[in-house]
Amino acid sequence: MTPGENPLAEPLPGGVASDIWRVDLKRGTVCVKRALAKLKVAADWRAPVERNAFEAAWIETANRIAPRSAPRILGHDRAAGLFAMDYLSPATHRLWKEELRQGRADPAFAAAVGATLARIHAGTANDAQIAARFATDAIFRAIRLEPYLEAVARAHPDRAERLRTLVERTAGTRVALIHGDVSPKNILIGPRGPVLLDAECAWYGDPAFDLAFCLNHFLLKCLWTPSAWGGFLQSFRSMAQAYLAGVNWEASAGLERRAAELLPGLFLARVDGKSPVEYLTETADKDKVRRVARALLVEPPARLEDVANAWSREIAA
């Protein structure tokens, strides 16, 4: 910003964990993001604001490994808990969530997301320096494990033991740098491929979490836009296949099993955790999720295809 400049700032919609502004400067438009201590949800959900610094670091790391996979950081004020980054216009970068809401399933783009994610995980796997830089265990627990899996364990006490086992296994698995919120609302369809946003949950942990977290949305979207459920499940399979093809730091079957076992817990959390998806409002739809997720928690799946098949049977009934 030049001296004497009075920029125009406009709040942007969508975030629950941060305030986000579009700021028009003489030199061009930028995006400014500041983390909130209390998230904008109905439940009392709080998280450390220092996650803003880790998000900026994740973006820089991801862009080094997979160029243009995230917006460019333009400046960072760690003390203020905010950073400025490129503003990516909706004219050139469409929001993936909106495309799915319209029923436009694109398995090829889902595969590109999976491949990009695997590339970032592979580029950080078993890296002691990255592990030390992103030792954000407390933040990840506060913003992911507690509001999702621990909260749903309280809501479903007869599945609590299994859910707490998933929490402790995930918390104790430190393999690669993960994003922590790989969701269609945080992914733009850019001219050169997917662009990942909102890495506030960045953590050196289990890459299976990122895979399961994103695949979960294809299952949920089958109820949001029922006419496209076949394309959503094909997107699920395409992303899983592309991701697993890029796993070179461990046996892909072991990672797939962890993701498949984690997925029912995350699935159930989006109706009975602290952050339910806003588009599932009918009890009948929520009960479909509960039936499938609760059954898979009792008999854990070994493969992601097992989850897709169980959900396909439920929604086709």
C-alpha atoms as a PDB file:
ATOM      1  CA  MET A   1       0.000   0.000   0.000  1.00  0.00           C
ATOM      2  CA  THR A   2       1.385   3.388  -0.935  1.00  0.00           C
ATOM      3  CA  PRO A   3       1.518   6.290   1.573  1.00  0.00           C
ATOM      4  CA  GLY A   4      -1.777   8.150   1.802  1.00  0.00           C
ATOM      5  CA  GLU A   5      -3.693   5.411   0.046  1.00  0.00           C
ATOM      6  CA  ASN A   6      -7.207   4.719   1.346  1.00  0.00           C
ATOM      7  CA  PRO A   7      -7.999   1.204   0.099  1.00  0.00           C
ATOM      8  CA  LEU A   8     -11.508  -0.179  -0.278  1.00  0.00           C
ATOM      9  CA  ALA A   9     -12.065  -3.322   1.847  1.00  0.00           C
ATOM     10  CA  GLU A  10     -14.985  -5.691   1.352  1.00  0.00           C
ATOM     11  CA  PRO A  11     -15.683  -8.727   3.583  1.00  0.00           C
ATOM     12  CA  LEU A  12     -15.883 -12.014   1.706  1.00  0.00           C
ATOM     13  CA  PRO A  13     -18.396 -14.732   2.611  1.00  0.00           C
ATOM     14  CA  GLY A  14     -17.812 -18.367   3.447  1.00  0.00           C
ATOM     15  CA  GLY A  15     -15.321 -18.623   6.295  1.00  0.00           C
ATOM     16  CA  VAL A  16     -16.273 -19.719   9.812  1.00  0.00           C
ATOM     17  CA  ALA A  17     -12.788 -19.684  11.331  1.00  0.00           C
ATOM     18  CA  SER A  18     -11.445 -16.385   9.993  1.00  0.00           C
ATOM     19  CA  ASP A  19     -12.359 -12.940   8.784  1.00  0.00           C
ATOM     20  CA  ILE A  20     -11.510 -12.586   5.091  1.00  0.00           C
ATOM     21  CA  TRP A  21     -11.484  -9.363   3.090  1.00  0.00           C
ATOM     22  CA  ARG A  22     -11.032  -8.349  -0.496  1.00  0.00           C
ATOM     23  CA  VAL A  23      -8.852  -5.211  -0.478  1.00  0.00           C
ATOM     24  CA  ASP A  24      -8.571  -3.050  -3.595  1.00  0.00           C
ATOM     25  CA  LEU A  25      -5.226  -1.247  -3.787  1.00  0.00           C
ATOM     26  CA  LYS A  26      -3.821   1.007  -6.470  1.00  0.00           C
ATOM     27  CA  ARG A  27      -1.470  -1.771  -7.506  1.00  0.00           C
ATOM     28  CA  GLY A  28      -4.294  -4.338  -7.668  1.00  0.00           C
ATOM     29  CA  THR A  29      -6.620  -6.460  -5.544  1.00  0.00           C
ATOM     30  CA  VAL A  30      -5.402  -8.646  -2.684  1.00  0.00           C
ATOM     31  CA  CYS A  31      -7.055 -10.893  -0.116  1.00  0.00           C
ATOM     32  CA  VAL A  32      -6.416 -10.446   3.616  1.00  0.00           C
ATOM     33  CA  LYS A  33      -7.165 -13.155   6.171  1.00  0.00           C
ATOM     34  CA  ARG A  34      -7.248 -12.968   9.989  1.00  0.00           C
ATOM     35  CA  ALA A  35      -7.864 -15.954  12.265  1.00  0.00           C
ATOM     36  CA  LEU A  36     -10.661 -15.792  14.863  1.00  0.00           C
ATOM     37  CA  ALA A  37     -10.397 -17.114  18.410  1.00  0.00           C
ATOM     38  CA  LYS A  38     -14.065 -18.184  18.426  1.00  0.00           C
ATOM     39  CA  LEU A  39     -15.374 -19.773  15.266  1.00  0.00           C
ATOM     40  CA  LYS A  40     -18.615 -18.628  13.667  1.00  0.00           C
ATOM     41  CA  VAL A  41     -20.708 -21.709  14.461  1.00  0.00           C
ATOM     42  CA  ALA A  42     -23.555 -22.369  16.901  1.00  0.00           C
ATOM     43  CA  ALA A  43     -21.406 -24.477  19.235  1.00  0.00           C
ATOM     44  CA  ASP A  44     -18.791 -22.915  21.522  1.00  0.00           C
ATOM     45  CA  TRP A  45     -15.807 -23.791  19.325  1.00  0.00           C
ATOM     46  CA  ARG A  46     -12.519 -22.020  19.981  1.00  0.00           C
ATOM     47  CA  ALA A  47      -9.071 -22.453  18.469  1.00  0.00           C
ATOM     48  CA  PRO A  48      -5.650 -20.804  18.860  1.00  0.00           C
ATOM     49  CA  VAL A  49      -5.184 -17.833  16.529  1.00  0.00           C
ATOM     50  CA  GLU A  50      -1.542 -18.718  15.895  1.00  0.00           C
ATOM     51  CA  ARG A  51      -2.848 -21.187  13.323  1.00  0.00           C
ATOM     52  CA  ASN A  52      -2.743 -18.252  10.894  1.00  0.00           C
ATOM     53  CA  ALA A  53       1.051 -18.455  10.844  1.00  0.00           C
ATOM     54  CA  PHE A  54       0.964 -22.190  10.138  1.00  0.00           C
ATOM     55  CA  GLU A  55      -1.514 -21.646   7.335  1.00  0.00           C
ATOM     56  CA  ALA A  56       0.827 -19.164   5.676  1.00  0.00           C
ATOM     57  CA  ALA A  57       3.695 -21.632   6.091  1.00  0.00           C
ATOM     58  CA  TRP A  58       1.611 -24.453   4.596  1.00  0.00           C
ATOM     59  CA  ILE A  59       0.810 -22.312   1.557  1.00  0.00           C
ATOM     60  CA  GLU A  60       4.468 -21.503   1.009  1.00  0.00           C
ATOM     61  CA  THR A  61       5.462 -25.161   1.417  1.00  0.00           C
ATOM     62  CA  ALA A  62       2.731 -26.430  -0.908  1.00  0.00           C
ATOM     63  CA  ASN A  63       3.645 -23.932  -3.626  1.00  0.00           C
ATOM     64  CA  ARG A  64       7.281 -24.962  -3.412  1.00  0.00           C
ATOM     65  CA  ILE A  65       6.359 -28.621  -3.974  1.00  0.00           C
ATOM     66  CA  ALA A  66       3.409 -28.160  -6.340  1.00  0.00           C
ATOM     67  CA  PRO A  67       3.595 -24.684  -7.903  1.00  0.00           C
ATOM     68  CA  ARG A  68       0.273 -22.784  -8.115  1.00  0.00           C
ATOM     69  CA  SER A  69      -1.476 -25.305  -5.862  1.00  0.00           C
ATOM     70  CA  ALA A  70      -2.275 -22.449  -3.438  1.00  0.00           C
ATOM     71  CA  PRO A  71      -2.476 -18.626  -3.605  1.00  0.00           C
ATOM     72  CA  ARG A  72       0.795 -16.717  -3.324  1.00  0.00           C
ATOM     73  CA  ILE A  73       1.539 -15.141   0.067  1.00  0.00           C
ATOM     74  CA  LEU A  74       2.210 -11.399  -0.345  1.00  0.00           C
ATOM     75  CA  GLY A  75       2.872 -10.454   3.274  1.00  0.00           C
ATOM     76  CA  HIS A  76       2.427 -11.851   6.772  1.00  0.00           C
ATOM     77  CA  ASP A  77       2.027 -10.124  10.154  1.00  0.00           C
ATOM     78  CA  ARG A  78       2.444 -12.916  12.684  1.00  0.00           C
ATOM     79  CA  ALA A  79       1.776 -10.674  15.696  1.00  0.00           C
ATOM     80  CA  ALA A  80      -1.530  -9.452  14.243  1.00  0.00           C
ATOM     81  CA  GLY A  81      -2.488 -12.962  13.137  1.00  0.00           C
ATOM     82  CA  LEU A  82      -3.108 -12.050   9.518  1.00  0.00           C
ATOM     83  CA  PHE A  83      -1.603 -12.347   6.075  1.00  0.00           C
ATOM     84  CA  ALA A  84      -2.215 -11.009   2.578  1.00  0.00           C
ATOM     85  CA  MET A  85      -2.334 -13.254  -0.471  1.00  0.00           C
ATOM     86  CA  ASP A  86      -3.295 -13.159  -4.125  1.00  0.00           C
ATOM     87  CA  TYR A  87      -6.945 -12.458  -4.835  1.00  0.00           C
ATOM     88  CA  LEU A  88      -8.159 -15.073  -7.288  1.00  0.00           C
ATOM     89  CA  SER A  89     -11.146 -13.811  -9.236  1.00  0.00           C
ATOM     90  CA  PRO A  90     -14.253 -16.014  -9.517  1.00  0.00           C
ATOM     91  CA  ALA A  91     -14.137 -15.265 -13.239  1.00  0.00           C
ATOM     92  CA  THR A  92     -11.031 -17.432 -13.582  1.00  0.00           C
ATOM     93  CA  HIS A  93     -11.207 -19.577 -10.437  1.00  0.00           C
ATOM     94  CA  ARG A  94     -14.579 -21.223  -9.864  1.00  0.00           C
ATOM     95  CA  LEU A  95     -15.447 -22.609  -6.446  1.00  0.00           C
ATOM     96  CA  TRP A  96     -15.630 -26.404  -6.582  1.00  0.00           C
ATOM     97  CA  LYS A  97     -18.423 -26.558  -3.986  1.00  0.00           C
ATOM     98  CA  GLU A  98     -20.697 -24.475  -6.196  1.00  0.00           C
ATOM     99  CA  GLU A  99     -19.986 -26.720  -9.170  1.00  0.00           C
ATOM    100  CA  LEU A 100     -21.008 -29.749  -7.113  1.00  0.00           C
ATOM    101  CA  ARG A 101     -24.121 -27.976  -5.839  1.00  0.00           C
ATOM    102  CA  GLN A 102     -25.149 -27.523  -9.459  1.00  0.00           C
ATOM    103  CA  GLY A 103     -24.649 -31.252 -10.045  1.00  0.00           C
ATOM    104  CA  ARG A 104     -21.587 -30.783 -12.233  1.00  0.00           C
ATOM    105  CA  ALA A 105     -19.511 -33.761 -11.142  1.00  0.00           C
ATOM    106  CA  ASP A 106     -16.101 -33.889 -12.816  1.00  0.00           C
ATOM    107  CA  PRO A 107     -14.174 -37.082 -11.992  1.00  0.00           C
ATOM    108  CA  ALA A 108     -11.138 -35.794 -13.901  1.00  0.00           C
ATOM    109  CA  PHE A 109     -10.891 -32.728 -11.662  1.00  0.00           C
ATOM    110  CA  ALA A 110     -11.399 -34.910  -8.582  1.00  0.00           C
ATOM    111  CA  ALA A 111      -8.459 -37.004  -9.778  1.00  0.00           C
ATOM    112  CA  ALA A 112      -6.371 -33.832 -10.177  1.00  0.00           C
ATOM    113  CA  VAL A 113      -7.137 -32.886  -6.569  1.00  0.00           C
ATOM    114  CA  GLY A 114      -6.076 -36.352  -5.427  1.00  0.00           C
ATOM    115  CA  ALA A 115      -2.850 -36.221  -7.410  1.00  0.00           C
ATOM    116  CA  THR A 116      -1.996 -32.728  -6.118  1.00  0.00           C
ATOM    117  CA  LEU A 117      -2.635 -33.762  -2.539  1.00  0.00           C
ATOM    118  CA  ALA A 118      -0.471 -36.867  -2.903  1.00  0.00           C
ATOM    119  CA  ARG A 119       2.316 -34.751  -4.396  1.00  0.00           C
ATOM    120  CA  ILE A 120       2.329 -32.413  -1.392  1.00  0.00           C
ATOM    121  CA  HIS A 121       2.253 -35.338   1.041  1.00  0.00           C
ATOM    122  CA  ALA A 122       5.067 -37.106  -0.810  1.00  0.00           C
ATOM    123  CA  GLY A 123       7.160 -33.938  -0.823  1.00  0.00           C
ATOM    124  CA  THR A 124       6.960 -33.630   2.965  1.00  0.00           C
ATOM    125  CA  ALA A 125       6.862 -37.268   4.102  1.00  0.00           C
ATOM    126  CA  ASN A 126       9.430 -38.295   6.695  1.00  0.00           C
ATOM    127  CA  ASP A 127      10.957 -34.807   6.723  1.00  0.00           C
ATOM    128  CA  ALA A 128      12.205 -33.958  10.206  1.00  0.00           C
ATOM    129  CA  GLN A 129      12.485 -30.230   9.500  1.00  0.00           C
ATOM    130  CA  ILE A 130       8.909 -29.998   8.227  1.00  0.00           C
ATOM    131  CA  ALA A 131       7.740 -32.094  11.172  1.00  0.00           C
ATOM    132  CA  ALA A 132       9.370 -29.676  13.627  1.00  0.00           C
ATOM    133  CA  ARG A 133       7.950 -26.637  11.825  1.00  0.00           C
ATOM    134  CA  PHE A 134       4.395 -27.995  11.902  1.00  0.00           C
ATOM    135  CA  ALA A 135       4.223 -29.574  15.357  1.00  0.00           C
ATOM    136  CA  THR A 136       0.680 -28.239  15.724  1.00  0.00           C
ATOM    137  CA  ASP A 137      -0.788 -31.187  17.602  1.00  0.00           C
ATOM    138  CA  ALA A 138      -2.770 -29.031  20.051  1.00  0.00           C
ATOM    139  CA  ILE A 139      -4.270 -26.881  17.299  1.00  0.00           C
ATOM    140  CA  PHE A 140      -5.228 -29.879  15.200  1.00  0.00           C
ATOM    141  CA  ARG A 141      -6.887 -31.547  18.146  1.00  0.00           C
ATOM    142  CA  ALA A 142      -8.809 -28.372  19.000  1.00  0.00           C
ATOM    143  CA  ILE A 143     -10.007 -27.628  15.483  1.00  0.00           C
ATOM    144  CA  ARG A 144     -10.370 -31.112  13.980  1.00  0.00           C
ATOM    145  CA  LEU A 145     -10.288 -34.120  16.290  1.00  0.00           C
ATOM    146  CA  GLU A 146     -12.349 -32.633  19.147  1.00  0.00           C
ATOM    147  CA  PRO A 147     -15.174 -30.955  17.166  1.00  0.00           C
ATOM    148  CA  TYR A 148     -15.490 -33.864  14.762  1.00  0.00           C
ATOM    149  CA  LEU A 149     -14.630 -37.261  16.228  1.00  0.00           C
ATOM    150  CA  GLU A 150     -14.674 -36.517  19.953  1.00  0.00           C
ATOM    151  CA  ALA A 151     -17.926 -34.568  19.689  1.00  0.00           C
ATOM    152  CA  VAL A 152     -19.625 -37.338  17.749  1.00  0.00           C
ATOM    153  CA  ALA A 153     -18.399 -39.880  20.302  1.00  0.00           C
ATOM    154  CA  ARG A 154     -20.344 -37.953  22.919  1.00  0.00           C
ATOM    155  CA  ALA A 155     -23.414 -37.947  20.666  1.00  0.00           C
ATOM    156  CA  HIS A 156     -23.139 -41.707  20.008  1.00  0.00           C
ATOM    157  CA  PRO A 157     -21.906 -43.280  23.263  1.00  0.00           C
ATOM    158  CA  ASP A 158     -22.401 -46.810  21.914  1.00  0.00           C
ATOM    159  CA  ARG A 159     -19.775 -46.026  19.233  1.00  0.00           C
ATOM    160  CA  ALA A 160     -17.547 -43.912  21.501  1.00  0.00           C
ATOM    161  CA  GLU A 161     -14.839 -46.512  22.055  1.00  0.00           C
ATOM    162  CA  ARG A 162     -14.278 -46.995  18.325  1.00  0.00           C
ATOM    163  CA  LEU A 163     -14.318 -43.235  17.665  1.00  0.00           C
ATOM    164  CA  ARG A 164     -11.807 -42.545  20.433  1.00  0.00           C
ATOM    165  CA  THR A 165      -9.562 -45.253  18.995  1.00  0.00           C
ATOM    166  CA  LEU A 166      -9.633 -43.395  15.675  1.00  0.00           C
ATOM    167  CA  VAL A 167      -8.806 -40.135  17.466  1.00  0.00           C
ATOM    168  CA  GLU A 168      -5.778 -41.564  19.225  1.00  0.00           C
ATOM    169  CA  ARG A 169      -4.485 -43.377  16.163  1.00  0.00           C
ATOM    170  CA  THR A 170      -4.816 -40.262  14.029  1.00  0.00           C
ATOM    171  CA  ALA A 171      -3.219 -38.061  16.705  1.00  0.00           C
ATOM    172  CA  GLY A 172      -0.284 -40.457  17.010  1.00  0.00           C
ATOM    173  CA  THR A 173       0.428 -40.881  13.284  1.00  0.00           C
ATOM    174  CA  ARG A 174       2.986 -38.321  12.106  1.00  0.00           C
ATOM    175  CA  VAL A 175       4.000 -39.030   8.529  1.00  0.00           C
ATOM    176  CA  ALA A 176       3.588 -35.945   6.317  1.00  0.00           C
ATOM    177  CA  LEU A 177       2.356 -32.349   6.208  1.00  0.00           C
ATOM    178  CA  ILE A 178      -1.421 -32.319   5.899  1.00  0.00           C
ATOM    179  CA  HIS A 179      -3.808 -29.512   5.017  1.00  0.00           C
ATOM    180  CA  GLY A 180      -6.538 -30.591   7.442  1.00  0.00           C
ATOM    181  CA  ASP A 181      -9.542 -29.056   5.630  1.00  0.00           C
ATOM    182  CA  VAL A 182      -9.496 -30.451   2.103  1.00  0.00           C
ATOM    183  CA  SER A 183     -13.073 -29.645   1.209  1.00  0.00           C
ATOM    184  CA  PRO A 184     -14.777 -28.448  -2.000  1.00  0.00           C
ATOM    185  CA  LYS A 185     -15.491 -25.126  -0.265  1.00  0.00           C
ATOM    186  CA  ASN A 186     -11.716 -24.652   0.000  1.00  0.00           C
ATOM    187  CA  ILE A 187     -10.773 -25.680  -3.533  1.00  0.00           C
ATOM    188  CA  LEU A 188     -10.875 -23.505  -6.630  1.00  0.00           C
ATOM    189  CA  ILE A 189     -10.989 -24.798 -10.191  1.00  0.00           C
ATOM    190  CA  GLY A 190      -8.133 -22.808 -11.661  1.00  0.00           C
ATOM    191  CA  PRO A 191      -6.938 -22.595 -15.272  1.00  0.00           C
ATOM    192  CA  ARG A 192      -3.910 -24.739 -14.344  1.00  0.00           C
ATOM    193  CA  GLY A 193      -5.679 -27.119 -11.986  1.00  0.00           C
ATOM    194  CA  PRO A 194      -6.866 -27.162  -8.363  1.00  0.00           C
ATOM    195  CA  VAL A 195      -5.963 -24.338  -5.971  1.00  0.00           C
ATOM    196  CA  LEU A 196      -6.221 -25.176  -2.272  1.00  0.00           C
ATOM    197  CA  LEU A 197      -7.316 -22.554   0.260  1.00  0.00           C
ATOM    198  CA  ASP A 198      -7.775 -22.339   4.050  1.00  0.00           C
ATOM    199  CA  ALA A 199      -4.990 -24.473   5.487  1.00  0.00           C
ATOM    200  CA  GLU A 200      -5.686 -23.320   9.062  1.00  0.00           C
ATOM    201  CA  CYS A 201      -5.562 -26.917  10.283  1.00  0.00           C
ATOM    202  CA  ALA A 202      -2.072 -27.576   8.856  1.00  0.00           C
ATOM    203  CA  TRP A 203      -0.324 -30.302  10.854  1.00  0.00           C
ATOM    204  CA  TYR A 204       2.462 -32.800  10.462  1.00  0.00           C
ATOM    205  CA  GLY A 205       0.363 -35.892  10.875  1.00  0.00           C
ATOM    206  CA  ASP A 206      -1.574 -38.603   9.073  1.00  0.00           C
ATOM    207  CA  PRO A 207      -2.086 -37.998   5.330  1.00  0.00           C
ATOM    208  CA  ALA A 208      -5.008 -40.439   5.449  1.00  0.00           C
ATOM    209  CA  PHE A 209      -6.969 -37.692   7.228  1.00  0.00           C
ATOM    210  CA  ASP A 210      -6.759 -35.344   4.227  1.00  0.00           C
ATOM    211  CA  LEU A 211      -7.870 -38.077   1.844  1.00  0.00           C
ATOM    212  CA  ALA A 212     -10.797 -39.189   4.015  1.00  0.00           C
ATOM    213  CA  PHE A 213     -11.857 -35.611   4.780  1.00  0.00           C
ATOM    214  CA  CYS A 214     -12.270 -34.757   1.101  1.00  0.00           C
ATOM    215  CA  LEU A 215     -13.818 -38.060   0.037  1.00  0.00           C
ATOM    216  CA  ASN A 216     -16.420 -37.553   2.750  1.00  0.00           C
ATOM    217  CA  HIS A 217     -17.861 -34.634   0.797  1.00  0.00           C
ATOM    218  CA  PHE A 218     -18.650 -36.732  -2.262  1.00  0.00           C
ATOM    219  CA  LEU A 219     -20.796 -38.971  -0.067  1.00  0.00           C
ATOM    220  CA  LEU A 220     -22.602 -36.024   1.518  1.00  0.00           C
ATOM    221  CA  LYS A 221     -23.188 -34.273  -1.806  1.00  0.00           C
ATOM    222  CA  CYS A 222     -25.191 -37.302  -2.991  1.00  0.00           C
ATOM    223  CA  LEU A 223     -27.968 -36.099  -0.673  1.00  0.00           C
ATOM    224  CA  TRP A 224     -27.525 -32.419  -1.545  1.00  0.00           C
ATOM    225  CA  THR A 225     -27.856 -32.956  -5.298  1.00  0.00           C
ATOM    226  CA  PRO A 226     -29.416 -36.433  -5.661  1.00  0.00           C
ATOM    227  CA  SER A 227     -29.609 -36.277  -9.464  1.00  0.00           C
ATOM    228  CA  ALA A 228     -25.791 -36.351  -9.650  1.00  0.00           C
ATOM    229  CA  TRP A 229     -25.057 -39.064  -7.096  1.00  0.00           C
ATOM    230  CA  GLY A 230     -23.604 -41.420  -9.713  1.00  0.00           C
ATOM    231  CA  GLY A 231     -21.117 -38.764 -10.812  1.00  0.00           C
ATOM    232  CA  PHE A 232     -20.238 -37.939  -7.222  1.00  0.00           C
ATOM    233  CA  LEU A 233     -19.414 -41.568  -6.452  1.00  0.00           C
ATOM    234  CA  GLN A 234     -17.345 -41.774  -9.628  1.00  0.00           C
ATOM    235  CA  SER A 235     -15.509 -38.642  -8.443  1.00  0.00           C
ATOM    236  CA  PHE A 236     -14.947 -40.376  -5.090  1.00  0.00           C
ATOM    237  CA  ARG A 237     -13.368 -43.342  -6.876  1.00  0.00           C
ATOM    238  CA  SER A 238     -11.319 -41.178  -9.263  1.00  0.00           C
ATOM    239  CA  MET A 239      -9.850 -39.082  -6.466  1.00  0.00           C
ATOM    240  CA  ALA A 240      -9.025 -42.130  -4.351  1.00  0.00           C
ATOM    241  CA  GLN A 241      -7.370 -43.908  -7.274  1.00  0.00           C
ATOM    242  CA  ALA A 242      -5.285 -40.886  -8.310  1.00  0.00           C
ATOM    243  CA  TYR A 243      -4.227 -40.199  -4.731  1.00  0.00           C
ATOM    244  CA  LEU A 244      -3.235 -43.779  -3.937  1.00  0.00           C
ATOM    245  CA  ALA A 245      -1.239 -43.962  -7.189  1.00  0.00           C
ATOM    246  CA  GLY A 246       0.935 -41.146  -5.814  1.00  0.00           C
ATOM    247  CA  VAL A 247       1.657 -42.745  -2.438  1.00  0.00           C
ATOM    248  CA  ASN A 248       5.365 -43.559  -2.420  1.00  0.00           C
ATOM    249  CA  TRP A 249       6.282 -43.050   1.246  1.00  0.00           C
ATOM    250  CA  GLU A 250       4.462 -46.079   2.673  1.00  0.00           C
ATOM    251  CA  ALA A 251       2.408 -49.045   1.511  1.00  0.00           C
ATOM    252  CA  SER A 252      -0.694 -47.595  -0.124  1.00  0.00           C
ATOM    253  CA  ALA A 253      -2.878 -50.403   1.252  1.00  0.00           C
ATOM    254  CA  GLY A 254      -2.067 -49.375   4.819  1.00  0.00           C
ATOM    255  CA  LEU A 255      -2.870 -45.731   4.156  1.00  0.00           C
ATOM    256  CA  GLU A 256      -6.077 -46.701   2.363  1.00  0.00           C
ATOM    257  CA  ARG A 257      -7.179 -48.787   5.343  1.00  0.00           C
ATOM    258  CA  ARG A 258      -6.612 -45.877   7.731  1.00  0.00           C
ATOM    259  CA  ALA A 259      -8.619 -43.556   5.458  1.00  0.00           C
ATOM    260  CA  ALA A 260     -11.418 -46.096   5.026  1.00  0.00           C
ATOM    261  CA  GLU A 261     -11.685 -46.663   8.771  1.00  0.00           C
ATOM    262  CA  LEU A 262     -11.623 -42.930   9.504  1.00  0.00           C
ATOM    263  CA  LEU A 263     -14.230 -42.039   6.891  1.00  0.00           C
ATOM    264  CA  PRO A 264     -17.341 -43.342   8.751  1.00  0.00           C
ATOM    265  CA  GLY A 265     -16.421 -41.236  11.786  1.00  0.00           C
ATOM    266  CA  LEU A 266     -16.025 -38.106   9.668  1.00  0.00           C
ATOM    267  CA  PHE A 267     -19.229 -38.939   7.802  1.00  0.00           C
ATOM    268  CA  LEU A 268     -21.205 -39.172  11.050  1.00  0.00           C
ATOM    269  CA  ALA A 269     -19.543 -36.019  12.380  1.00  0.00           C
ATOM    270  CA  ARG A 270     -21.048 -33.917   9.590  1.00  0.00           C
ATOM    271  CA  VAL A 271     -24.537 -34.551  10.965  1.00  0.00           C
ATOM    272  CA  ASP A 272     -23.859 -34.987  14.705  1.00  0.00           C
ATOM    273  CA  GLY A 273     -20.570 -33.158  15.377  1.00  0.00           C
ATOM    274  CA  LYS A 274     -19.901 -29.484  16.067  1.00  0.00           C
ATOM    275  CA  SER A 275     -19.712 -28.593  12.369  1.00  0.00           C
ATOM    276  CA  PRO A 276     -22.697 -30.189  10.607  1.00  0.00           C
ATOM    277  CA  VAL A 277     -23.037 -29.496   6.895  1.00  0.00           C
ATOM    278  CA  GLU A 278     -25.612 -26.783   6.358  1.00  0.00           C
ATOM    279  CA  TYR A 279     -27.395 -28.472   3.461  1.00  0.00           C
ATOM    280  CA  LEU A 280     -28.580 -31.629   5.242  1.00  0.00           C
ATOM    281  CA  THR A 281     -31.695 -30.481   7.062  1.00  0.00           C
ATOM    282  CA  GLU A 282     -34.111 -33.403   6.658  1.00  0.00           C
ATOM    283  CA  THR A 283     -34.140 -36.026   9.407  1.00  0.00           C
ATOM    284  CA  ALA A 284     -34.514 -38.785   6.820  1.00  0.00           C
ATOM    285  CA  ASP A 285     -31.277 -37.739   5.110  1.00  0.00           C
ATOM    286  CA  LYS A 286     -29.400 -37.500   8.394  1.00  0.00           C
ATOM    287  CA  ASP A 287     -30.650 -40.952   9.339  1.00  0.00           C
ATOM    288  CA  LYS A 288     -29.230 -42.380   6.111  1.00  0.00           C
ATOM    289  CA  VAL A 289     -25.823 -41.057   7.098  1.00  0.00           C
ATOM    290  CA  ARG A 290     -26.209 -42.419  10.627  1.00  0.00           C
ATOM    291  CA  ARG A 291     -27.213 -45.908   9.462  1.00  0.00           C
ATOM    292  CA  VAL A 292     -24.251 -46.337   7.136  1.00  0.00           C
ATOM    293  CA  ALA A 293     -21.663 -44.659   9.363  1.00  0.00           C
ATOM    294  CA  ARG A 294     -22.690 -46.477  12.531  1.00  0.00           C
ATOM    295  CA  ALA A 295     -22.628 -49.856  10.756  1.00  0.00           C
ATOM    296  CA  LEU A 296     -19.160 -49.196   9.314  1.00  0.00           C
ATOM    297  CA  LEU A 297     -17.875 -48.189  12.748  1.00  0.00           C
ATOM    298  CA  VAL A 298     -18.894 -51.634  14.016  1.00  0.00           C
ATOM    299  CA  GLU A 299     -17.405 -53.469  11.024  1.00  0.00           C
ATOM    300  CA  PRO A 300     -14.517 -51.226   9.850  1.00  0.00           C
ATOM    301  CA  PRO A 301     -13.919 -51.255   6.087  1.00  0.00           C
ATOM    302  CA  ALA A 302     -10.518 -52.181   4.702  1.00  0.00           C
ATOM    303  CA  ARG A 303     -10.920 -50.351   1.408  1.00  0.00           C
ATOM    304  CA  LEU A 304     -12.417 -47.061   0.339  1.00  0.00           C
ATOM    305  CA  GLU A 305     -14.492 -48.908  -2.230  1.00  0.00           C
ATOM    306  CA  ASP A 306     -16.233 -50.692   0.658  1.00  0.00           C
ATOM    307  CA  VAL A 307     -17.443 -47.311   1.939  1.00  0.00           C
ATOM    308  CA  ALA A 308     -18.619 -46.178  -1.500  1.00  0.00           C
ATOM    309  CA  ASN A 309     -20.500 -49.439  -2.028  1.00  0.00           C
ATOM    310  CA  ALA A 310     -22.205 -49.293   1.372  1.00  0.00           C
ATOM    311  CA  TRP A 311     -23.367 -45.728   0.698  1.00  0.00           C
ATOM    312  CA  SER A 312     -24.483 -46.610  -2.835  1.00  0.00           C
ATOM    313  CA  ARG A 313     -26.697 -49.376  -1.483  1.00  0.00           C
ATOM    314  CA  GLU A 314     -28.253 -47.004   1.058  1.00  0.00           C
ATOM    315  CA  ILE A 315     -29.151 -44.198  -1.327  1.00  0.00           C
ATOM    316  CA  ALA A 316     -30.321 -46.580  -4.064  1.00  0.00           C
ATOM    317  CA  ALA A 317     -32.735 -48.355  -1.711  1.00  0.00           C
END
